[in-house]
Amino acid sequence: MDARSIIAAIRDGKPPAPEALRWFAAGLADGTVTDAQAGAFAMAVLLKGIGEAGRVALTTGMRDSGKVLHWDMPGPVLDKHSTGGIGDCVSLLLAPALAACGAYVPMISGRGLGHTGGTLDKLEAIPGFRTGLSEGQLRAQLKDIRCAIVSASAEIAPADRRLYAIRDVSGTVESIDLITASILSKKLAAGLEALVLDVKCGSGAFMKTPEDAEALAVSLVATAKGAGCKTSALITDMTQPLATAAGNALEVIEVMETLTGTSVNAALFDVTALLGGEALVLAGLADSAEDGTRRVEEVMRSGRAAEWFGRMITAQGGPADFVDRWPDRLPAATVIRDVPCPAAGFVTTIDGQALGLAVVGLGGGRQREGDRVNPAVGLSDLAGIGDEIGRGDPLCMVHAATEAQADEAIALVQAAYGLGPSPVAEPPLVLKRIT
């Protein structure tokens, strides 16, 4: 085989043979495929597509381009993936909740991407927390504590790492075929028995419309099943932030308030429980999605999920007393200011992407690769769709390192909120279930 003939076939609209796509994935990993060929391949796939069988072949080829983990645990090995949003800290609640329900959760997570937050960045707001575990450390922790949230090692899906970088500079990020293979190759390399997907839809998501979100969810579920992993997806709302905070330490605060019951965020609680219910029924730990949801709700309400979370934090280098002393253990910003509402009215729309970029501008995300993240900055107490706000009342609180950064963030937040004279209904949390 050679890269040129594979690229030409896709360019001409001919379905590529599965073995050709698997060969191309191996070539991405070992350097047989050049950068120019990788870019041409990505553009051909974006324009012509590779079909369902092609997505399965490319995904499994990228999965098999590096280390594939295998487990020998007394219970099912599960995970969850979100396509990213604002205030989306579900993973921090769901991993320990599933562990408390008897599942094993080796959650390989990522850092912030564009305007969206990253699970690893949020956890690293906790002093001492380590996301880079060796395979031996991961195996020991999973056996003992049942859950770990870690970064992918260089050995996991190296073909995806190469192709991802090429897509970023070649204008091919939007390809559903390539998005599908990228997400699933890393997740399936973790040796999962079941996977639940949270596909976000709305202004704060990468998929802005229900049609685009459904197309991605269907592709992900069909491809994962084709690769041998039980999978379902929920399409969930991201027309507004899921939590009332956006920023690493601030989202951890909201997680801890929800896990400990001190101030439960209903939307965050409900999405976590619904995704957990899907995961448990896929794994055979619940009779139905509804039964699984009840089980997850119970372990969160009882405090058992908080106990498992504390054990995970301690095992990965965080404070042993974090669950009891989290308000004292998290960093705080030096400048905290209200964002005054410029006019009276009801919140009708929120530009979630603009809020995410405001957090990045404060230093809570990366403008370029290698930037240092300030875990203390962000937005808290965010007003939601349907809220009535008086002129001068706060839309949210800005947590910043400097007054100048606070001023800039205030202007961005004010521009992100749409106001109207009449109340509007809050959007539903779950738009559709894909099985």
Protein backbone atom coordinates (compact mmCIF):
# COMPACT_ATOMS: atom_id res chain seq x y z
CA MET A 1 0.00 0.00 0.00
CA ASP A 2 1.01 3.61 -0.35
CA ALA A 3 -0.40 6.86 1.02
CA ARG A 4 -0.90 8.49 -2.38
CA SER A 5 -3.27 5.84 -3.71
CA ILE A 6 -5.32 5.87 -0.47
CA ILE A 7 -5.63 9.68 -0.57
CA ALA A 8 -6.57 9.64 -4.25
CA ALA A 9 -9.27 7.03 -3.70
CA ILE A 10 -10.89 9.06 -0.91
CA ARG A 11 -10.56 12.25 -3.01
CA ASP A 12 -12.42 10.56 -5.86
CA GLY A 13 -15.22 9.39 -3.58
CA LYS A 14 -14.32 5.70 -3.57
CA PRO A 15 -14.91 3.86 -0.27
CA PRO A 16 -11.46 3.05 1.16
CA ALA A 17 -10.74 -0.53 2.09
CA PRO A 18 -10.59 -1.10 5.88
CA GLU A 19 -7.07 -2.49 5.64
CA ALA A 20 -5.96 0.64 3.75
CA LEU A 21 -7.19 2.89 6.56
CA ARG A 22 -5.56 0.71 9.20
CA TRP A 23 -2.29 0.87 7.21
CA PHE A 24 -2.58 4.67 7.03
CA ALA A 25 -3.11 4.89 10.81
CA ALA A 26 0.01 2.80 11.40
CA GLY A 27 1.91 5.05 8.98
CA LEU A 28 0.87 8.13 10.93
CA ALA A 29 2.36 6.60 14.06
CA ASP A 30 5.63 5.31 12.62
CA GLY A 31 6.35 8.19 10.23
CA THR A 32 5.77 6.32 6.97
CA VAL A 33 3.09 8.92 6.16
CA THR A 34 4.50 12.43 5.68
CA ASP A 35 2.95 15.63 7.07
CA ALA A 36 1.89 16.65 3.56
CA GLN A 37 0.18 13.30 3.02
CA ALA A 38 -1.51 13.49 6.43
CA GLY A 39 -2.88 16.95 5.58
CA ALA A 40 -4.10 15.80 2.15
CA PHE A 41 -5.74 12.76 3.77
CA ALA A 42 -7.52 14.93 6.35
CA MET A 43 -8.84 17.29 3.66
CA ALA A 44 -10.03 14.41 1.47
CA VAL A 45 -11.87 12.86 4.42
CA LEU A 46 -13.42 16.22 5.33
CA LEU A 47 -14.72 16.76 1.77
CA LYS A 48 -15.74 13.22 0.75
CA GLY A 49 -16.08 11.17 3.96
CA ILE A 50 -15.14 7.55 4.53
CA GLY A 51 -18.48 6.00 5.57
CA GLU A 52 -19.38 3.98 8.64
CA ALA A 53 -17.09 1.02 7.88
CA GLY A 54 -14.27 3.45 7.18
CA ARG A 55 -14.77 5.21 10.51
CA VAL A 56 -14.56 1.89 12.34
CA ALA A 57 -11.40 0.89 10.46
CA LEU A 58 -9.68 4.25 11.00
CA THR A 59 -10.67 4.31 14.67
CA THR A 60 -9.43 0.80 15.41
CA GLY A 61 -6.27 1.42 13.40
CA MET A 62 -5.51 4.55 15.41
CA ARG A 63 -6.38 2.71 18.63
CA ASP A 64 -3.98 -0.10 17.74
CA SER A 65 -1.18 2.30 16.71
CA GLY A 66 0.03 2.31 20.31
CA LYS A 67 -0.54 0.69 23.68
CA VAL A 68 -3.97 -0.89 24.27
CA LEU A 69 -4.75 -1.57 27.91
CA HIS A 70 -6.35 -4.79 29.11
CA TRP A 71 -7.86 -5.25 32.57
CA ASP A 72 -8.54 -8.12 34.93
CA MET A 73 -10.92 -6.51 37.40
CA PRO A 74 -13.79 -8.08 39.37
CA GLY A 75 -16.21 -5.55 37.88
CA PRO A 76 -16.89 -3.80 34.56
CA VAL A 77 -14.48 -1.13 33.25
CA LEU A 78 -16.36 2.01 32.17
CA ASP A 79 -15.74 5.59 31.11
CA LYS A 80 -17.52 8.72 29.92
CA HIS A 81 -16.52 11.32 27.34
CA SER A 82 -17.87 14.83 26.88
CA THR A 83 -17.41 16.79 23.67
CA GLY A 84 -16.71 19.89 25.79
CA GLY A 85 -18.51 22.93 27.08
CA ILE A 86 -18.54 25.69 29.69
CA GLY A 87 -18.90 24.80 33.36
CA ASP A 88 -18.88 21.12 32.41
CA CYS A 89 -17.31 19.45 35.45
CA VAL A 90 -19.41 16.27 35.30
CA SER A 91 -16.36 13.96 35.12
CA LEU A 92 -15.29 14.97 38.63
CA LEU A 93 -18.63 13.79 40.03
CA LEU A 94 -19.25 10.83 37.75
CA ALA A 95 -15.96 8.92 38.15
CA PRO A 96 -16.27 8.52 41.94
CA ALA A 97 -20.05 7.94 41.72
CA LEU A 98 -19.56 5.05 39.29
CA ALA A 99 -16.80 3.66 41.52
CA ALA A 100 -19.17 3.80 44.48
CA CYS A 101 -21.66 1.80 42.37
CA GLY A 102 -19.13 -1.00 41.75
CA ALA A 103 -17.62 0.03 38.41
CA TYR A 104 -13.94 0.55 37.55
CA VAL A 105 -13.24 3.88 35.86
CA PRO A 106 -9.83 4.55 34.22
CA MET A 107 -10.81 8.00 32.95
CA ILE A 108 -8.25 9.31 30.46
CA SER A 109 -9.02 13.03 30.17
CA GLY A 110 -7.72 16.12 28.42
CA ARG A 111 -6.86 19.73 29.01
CA GLY A 112 -8.77 22.81 27.93
CA LEU A 113 -9.32 23.08 24.19
CA GLY A 114 -10.21 26.44 22.66
CA HIS A 115 -12.98 28.04 24.71
CA THR A 116 -13.84 24.84 26.60
CA GLY A 117 -12.42 23.81 29.96
CA GLY A 118 -10.32 20.70 30.61
CA THR A 119 -10.85 18.06 33.31
CA LEU A 120 -7.12 17.76 34.01
CA ASP A 121 -6.74 21.53 34.48
CA LYS A 122 -9.62 21.52 36.96
CA LEU A 123 -8.14 18.72 39.04
CA GLU A 124 -4.70 20.33 39.00
CA ALA A 125 -6.24 23.30 40.84
CA ILE A 126 -6.11 20.94 43.85
CA PRO A 127 -2.67 21.28 45.49
CA GLY A 128 -0.44 18.28 44.80
CA PHE A 129 -2.82 16.45 42.48
CA ARG A 130 -0.95 14.42 39.82
CA THR A 131 -2.56 13.54 36.50
CA GLY A 132 0.50 11.82 34.98
CA LEU A 133 0.48 8.26 36.35
CA SER A 134 2.54 5.37 35.00
CA GLU A 135 0.66 2.31 33.80
CA GLY A 136 1.69 0.48 36.97
CA GLN A 137 0.42 3.29 39.18
CA LEU A 138 -2.84 3.44 37.24
CA ARG A 139 -3.39 -0.30 37.58
CA ALA A 140 -2.67 -0.25 41.32
CA GLN A 141 -4.98 2.70 41.92
CA LEU A 142 -7.80 1.23 39.85
CA LYS A 143 -7.60 -2.05 41.75
CA ASP A 144 -7.64 -0.28 45.12
CA ILE A 145 -9.91 2.73 44.56
CA ARG A 146 -11.77 1.81 41.33
CA CYS A 147 -11.33 5.25 39.76
CA ALA A 148 -8.56 7.46 38.43
CA ILE A 149 -8.60 10.55 36.24
CA VAL A 150 -5.34 10.79 34.32
CA SER A 151 -3.67 12.18 31.21
CA ALA A 152 -2.96 9.95 28.22
CA SER A 153 0.56 8.64 28.01
CA ALA A 154 2.63 9.08 24.84
CA GLU A 155 2.01 5.39 24.13
CA ILE A 156 -1.78 5.82 23.81
CA ALA A 157 -3.00 6.28 20.21
CA PRO A 158 0.12 8.01 18.79
CA ALA A 159 -1.54 8.12 15.35
CA ASP A 160 -4.21 10.40 16.77
CA ARG A 161 -1.65 12.73 18.33
CA ARG A 162 -0.01 13.15 14.92
CA LEU A 163 -3.22 13.57 12.95
CA TYR A 164 -4.75 15.91 15.55
CA ALA A 165 -1.87 18.35 15.19
CA ILE A 166 -2.17 18.21 11.39
CA ARG A 167 -5.94 18.86 11.51
CA ASP A 168 -5.42 21.90 13.71
CA VAL A 169 -3.26 23.63 11.08
CA SER A 170 -4.94 22.33 7.91
CA GLY A 171 -8.51 23.54 8.41
CA THR A 172 -9.96 20.05 8.87
CA VAL A 173 -10.98 20.06 12.54
CA GLU A 174 -14.71 19.98 11.64
CA SER A 175 -14.73 16.55 9.96
CA ILE A 176 -17.13 14.28 11.85
CA ASP A 177 -15.24 11.20 10.59
CA LEU A 178 -11.96 12.53 12.01
CA ILE A 179 -13.54 13.82 15.23
CA THR A 180 -15.06 10.36 15.77
CA ALA A 181 -11.78 8.52 15.20
CA SER A 182 -9.87 10.97 17.40
CA ILE A 183 -12.21 10.71 20.38
CA LEU A 184 -12.74 6.98 20.25
CA SER A 185 -9.20 5.83 19.45
CA LYS A 186 -7.98 7.21 22.79
CA LYS A 187 -10.99 5.98 24.78
CA LEU A 188 -10.96 2.48 23.29
CA ALA A 189 -7.21 2.18 23.90
CA ALA A 190 -8.10 2.31 27.61
CA GLY A 191 -9.65 -1.16 27.29
CA LEU A 192 -13.24 -0.18 28.10
CA GLU A 193 -16.19 -2.54 28.25
CA ALA A 194 -18.71 0.31 28.03
CA LEU A 195 -18.66 4.02 27.23
CA VAL A 196 -21.25 6.76 27.70
CA LEU A 197 -20.97 9.93 25.62
CA ASP A 198 -22.13 13.43 26.50
CA VAL A 199 -22.49 15.30 23.21
CA LYS A 200 -22.95 19.00 23.94
CA CYS A 201 -25.14 21.23 21.78
CA GLY A 202 -25.43 25.02 21.83
CA SER A 203 -23.51 28.27 22.02
CA GLY A 204 -20.89 26.93 24.44
CA ALA A 205 -20.29 23.70 22.52
CA PHE A 206 -18.33 22.84 19.38
CA MET A 207 -21.59 21.54 17.86
CA LYS A 208 -23.90 24.57 17.77
CA THR A 209 -27.03 23.00 16.25
CA PRO A 210 -29.10 19.92 17.21
CA GLU A 211 -28.56 18.51 13.71
CA ASP A 212 -24.76 18.69 13.98
CA ALA A 213 -24.81 17.29 17.53
CA GLU A 214 -27.00 14.37 16.49
CA ALA A 215 -24.81 13.60 13.48
CA LEU A 216 -21.76 13.41 15.74
CA ALA A 217 -23.55 11.37 18.42
CA VAL A 218 -24.81 8.83 15.87
CA SER A 219 -21.32 8.54 14.34
CA LEU A 220 -19.69 8.05 17.74
CA VAL A 221 -22.17 5.41 18.96
CA ALA A 222 -22.16 3.42 15.71
CA THR A 223 -18.37 3.50 15.43
CA ALA A 224 -17.75 2.52 19.06
CA LYS A 225 -20.18 -0.38 18.74
CA GLY A 226 -18.54 -1.39 15.47
CA ALA A 227 -15.24 -1.49 17.36
CA GLY A 228 -16.75 -3.77 20.01
CA CYS A 229 -17.54 -1.33 22.85
CA LYS A 230 -21.05 -1.00 24.28
CA THR A 231 -21.94 2.67 23.90
CA SER A 232 -24.79 5.15 24.17
CA ALA A 233 -24.96 8.93 24.04
CA LEU A 234 -26.98 11.77 25.48
CA ILE A 235 -27.19 15.04 23.59
CA THR A 236 -27.24 17.66 26.34
CA ASP A 237 -27.81 21.39 26.41
CA MET A 238 -24.93 23.85 26.23
CA THR A 239 -26.86 27.01 25.37
CA GLN A 240 -25.74 28.12 28.82
CA PRO A 241 -23.02 26.93 31.23
CA LEU A 242 -23.86 23.68 33.00
CA ALA A 243 -22.45 24.85 36.32
CA THR A 244 -22.82 28.41 37.62
CA ALA A 245 -19.02 28.73 37.53
CA ALA A 246 -16.43 28.66 34.75
CA GLY A 247 -12.80 28.37 35.79
CA ASN A 248 -10.74 25.58 37.30
CA ALA A 249 -10.80 26.06 41.09
CA LEU A 250 -14.26 27.66 40.90
CA GLU A 251 -15.68 24.58 39.20
CA VAL A 252 -14.03 22.31 41.77
CA ILE A 253 -15.81 24.35 44.45
CA GLU A 254 -19.14 23.69 42.73
CA VAL A 255 -18.31 19.99 42.47
CA MET A 256 -17.54 19.80 46.17
CA GLU A 257 -20.68 21.72 47.12
CA THR A 258 -22.72 19.23 45.07
CA LEU A 259 -20.89 16.11 46.31
CA THR A 260 -21.11 17.15 49.97
CA GLY A 261 -24.67 18.47 49.73
CA THR A 262 -23.78 21.93 51.02
CA SER A 263 -25.21 23.65 47.90
CA VAL A 264 -26.32 21.23 45.20
CA ASN A 265 -26.30 22.44 41.60
CA ALA A 266 -29.42 20.71 40.25
CA ALA A 267 -28.36 20.76 36.59
CA LEU A 268 -24.90 19.37 37.36
CA PHE A 269 -26.41 16.71 39.65
CA ASP A 270 -29.05 15.66 37.12
CA VAL A 271 -26.73 15.39 34.09
CA THR A 272 -24.26 13.36 36.15
CA ALA A 273 -26.99 10.99 37.32
CA LEU A 274 -28.44 10.54 33.83
CA LEU A 275 -25.05 9.79 32.26
CA GLY A 276 -24.22 7.46 35.14
CA GLY A 277 -27.49 5.61 34.62
CA GLU A 278 -26.62 5.04 30.97
CA ALA A 279 -23.16 3.73 31.92
CA LEU A 280 -24.44 1.37 34.60
CA VAL A 281 -27.06 -0.26 32.37
CA LEU A 282 -24.51 -0.72 29.58
CA ALA A 283 -22.23 -2.46 32.08
CA GLY A 284 -24.94 -4.69 33.51
CA LEU A 285 -24.85 -3.01 36.93
CA ALA A 286 -28.44 -1.72 36.59
CA ASP A 287 -31.64 -3.17 35.16
CA SER A 288 -32.46 -0.02 33.20
CA ALA A 289 -31.16 3.50 32.63
CA GLU A 290 -33.73 4.73 35.15
CA ASP A 291 -32.54 2.22 37.74
CA GLY A 292 -28.93 3.26 37.09
CA THR A 293 -29.83 6.92 37.48
CA ARG A 294 -31.42 6.20 40.88
CA ARG A 295 -28.29 4.36 42.01
CA VAL A 296 -26.03 7.27 41.04
CA GLU A 297 -28.36 9.74 42.73
CA GLU A 298 -28.25 7.67 45.92
CA VAL A 299 -24.45 7.50 46.15
CA MET A 300 -24.21 11.25 45.58
CA ARG A 301 -26.90 12.12 48.12
CA SER A 302 -25.52 9.73 50.75
CA GLY A 303 -21.98 11.11 50.57
CA ARG A 304 -20.48 7.86 49.29
CA ALA A 305 -19.42 9.48 46.02
CA ALA A 306 -17.68 12.22 48.01
CA GLU A 307 -15.80 9.56 50.00
CA TRP A 308 -14.56 7.87 46.79
CA PHE A 309 -13.60 11.27 45.39
CA GLY A 310 -11.53 11.98 48.51
CA ARG A 311 -9.76 8.64 48.21
CA MET A 312 -8.91 9.35 44.56
CA ILE A 313 -7.58 12.82 45.42
CA THR A 314 -5.35 11.42 48.16
CA ALA A 315 -4.08 8.55 45.96
CA GLN A 316 -3.06 11.02 43.25
CA GLY A 317 -1.12 13.31 45.59
CA GLY A 318 -3.79 15.72 46.80
CA PRO A 319 -4.57 16.62 50.45
CA ALA A 320 -5.77 13.73 52.58
CA ASP A 321 -8.38 16.00 54.18
CA PHE A 322 -9.63 17.58 50.96
CA VAL A 323 -13.28 16.52 51.29
CA ASP A 324 -13.45 18.07 54.77
CA ARG A 325 -11.23 21.11 54.17
CA TRP A 326 -11.67 21.93 50.48
CA PRO A 327 -12.55 25.65 51.08
CA ASP A 328 -9.11 26.08 52.66
CA ARG A 329 -7.22 24.01 50.09
CA LEU A 330 -8.14 25.73 46.82
CA PRO A 331 -6.46 28.88 45.45
CA ALA A 332 -8.36 32.18 45.36
CA ALA A 333 -8.02 35.15 42.99
CA THR A 334 -6.66 38.48 44.24
CA VAL A 335 -9.29 40.56 42.40
CA ILE A 336 -13.01 39.68 42.72
CA ARG A 337 -15.60 42.01 41.17
CA ASP A 338 -19.27 42.08 40.17
CA VAL A 339 -20.23 42.25 36.51
CA PRO A 340 -23.05 44.83 36.51
CA CYS A 341 -25.95 44.21 34.15
CA PRO A 342 -26.07 47.12 31.66
CA ALA A 343 -29.91 47.14 31.51
CA ALA A 344 -32.89 45.60 33.27
CA GLY A 345 -34.56 42.57 31.74
CA PHE A 346 -34.74 38.80 31.51
CA VAL A 347 -31.78 36.71 30.34
CA THR A 348 -32.83 35.32 26.94
CA THR A 349 -29.52 34.12 25.45
CA ILE A 350 -25.97 33.44 26.62
CA ASP A 351 -22.98 33.22 24.31
CA GLY A 352 -21.21 30.34 26.04
CA GLN A 353 -18.21 30.49 23.73
CA ALA A 354 -17.68 34.16 24.66
CA LEU A 355 -17.78 33.28 28.36
CA GLY A 356 -15.22 30.54 27.78
CA LEU A 357 -12.94 32.93 25.93
CA ALA A 358 -13.30 35.43 28.80
CA VAL A 359 -11.99 32.75 31.17
CA VAL A 360 -9.10 32.03 28.79
CA GLY A 361 -8.32 35.75 28.69
CA LEU A 362 -8.17 35.84 32.47
CA GLY A 363 -5.50 33.13 32.36
CA GLY A 364 -7.81 30.20 33.13
CA GLY A 365 -6.99 28.57 29.78
CA ARG A 366 -4.28 28.60 27.13
CA GLN A 367 -3.90 31.14 24.34
CA ARG A 368 -1.13 28.96 22.89
CA GLU A 369 0.42 25.58 23.65
CA GLY A 370 2.62 25.68 26.74
CA ASP A 371 0.86 28.61 28.44
CA ARG A 372 0.69 28.38 32.22
CA VAL A 373 -2.86 28.21 33.60
CA ASN A 374 -3.93 30.27 36.62
CA PRO A 375 -6.27 27.91 38.52
CA ALA A 376 -7.86 30.66 40.65
CA VAL A 377 -9.38 32.85 37.93
CA GLY A 378 -12.73 32.58 36.22
CA LEU A 379 -16.41 33.43 36.59
CA SER A 380 -18.79 32.46 39.40
CA ASP A 381 -22.47 32.94 40.25
CA LEU A 382 -23.40 33.10 36.56
CA ALA A 383 -26.96 34.19 35.83
CA GLY A 384 -28.94 31.69 33.76
CA ILE A 385 -31.46 31.81 30.95
CA GLY A 386 -34.82 32.98 32.30
CA ASP A 387 -33.37 34.92 35.24
CA GLU A 388 -34.67 38.45 35.81
CA ILE A 389 -31.85 40.97 36.33
CA GLY A 390 -32.11 44.62 37.37
CA ARG A 391 -29.93 47.33 35.91
CA GLY A 392 -26.62 47.28 37.81
CA ASP A 393 -27.34 43.89 39.42
CA PRO A 394 -24.56 41.30 38.95
CA LEU A 395 -24.63 38.97 35.97
CA CYS A 396 -21.80 37.08 37.67
CA MET A 397 -18.58 37.58 39.63
CA VAL A 398 -15.19 37.91 37.91
CA HIS A 399 -12.16 36.37 39.64
CA ALA A 400 -8.99 37.89 38.17
CA ALA A 401 -5.27 38.34 38.81
CA THR A 402 -5.28 42.07 37.93
CA GLU A 403 -7.75 44.94 37.71
CA ALA A 404 -7.02 45.32 33.98
CA GLN A 405 -7.87 41.67 33.32
CA ALA A 406 -11.05 42.06 35.35
CA ASP A 407 -12.08 45.11 33.29
CA GLU A 408 -11.59 43.19 30.05
CA ALA A 409 -13.54 40.17 31.31
CA ILE A 410 -16.42 42.36 32.54
CA ALA A 411 -16.86 43.85 29.06
CA LEU A 412 -16.78 40.38 27.45
CA VAL A 413 -19.35 38.97 29.88
CA GLN A 414 -21.71 41.91 29.43
CA ALA A 415 -21.58 41.43 25.66
CA ALA A 416 -22.23 37.69 26.04
CA TYR A 417 -25.64 38.12 27.70
CA GLY A 418 -28.79 38.81 25.71
CA LEU A 419 -31.64 40.51 27.57
CA GLY A 420 -35.31 40.83 26.72
CA PRO A 421 -38.47 42.30 28.24
CA SER A 422 -40.20 38.96 28.82
CA PRO A 423 -39.13 35.73 30.50
CA VAL A 424 -38.17 32.72 28.39
CA ALA A 425 -38.27 29.07 29.35
CA GLU A 426 -35.09 27.42 30.56
CA PRO A 427 -33.92 24.93 27.90
CA PRO A 428 -34.21 21.18 28.65
CA LEU A 429 -31.06 19.50 29.95
CA VAL A 430 -31.25 16.46 27.65
CA LEU A 431 -32.24 16.92 24.02
CA LYS A 432 -32.00 13.33 22.80
CA ARG A 433 -30.77 9.85 23.65
CA ILE A 434 -28.80 7.91 21.02
CA THR A 435 -28.46 4.14 21.45
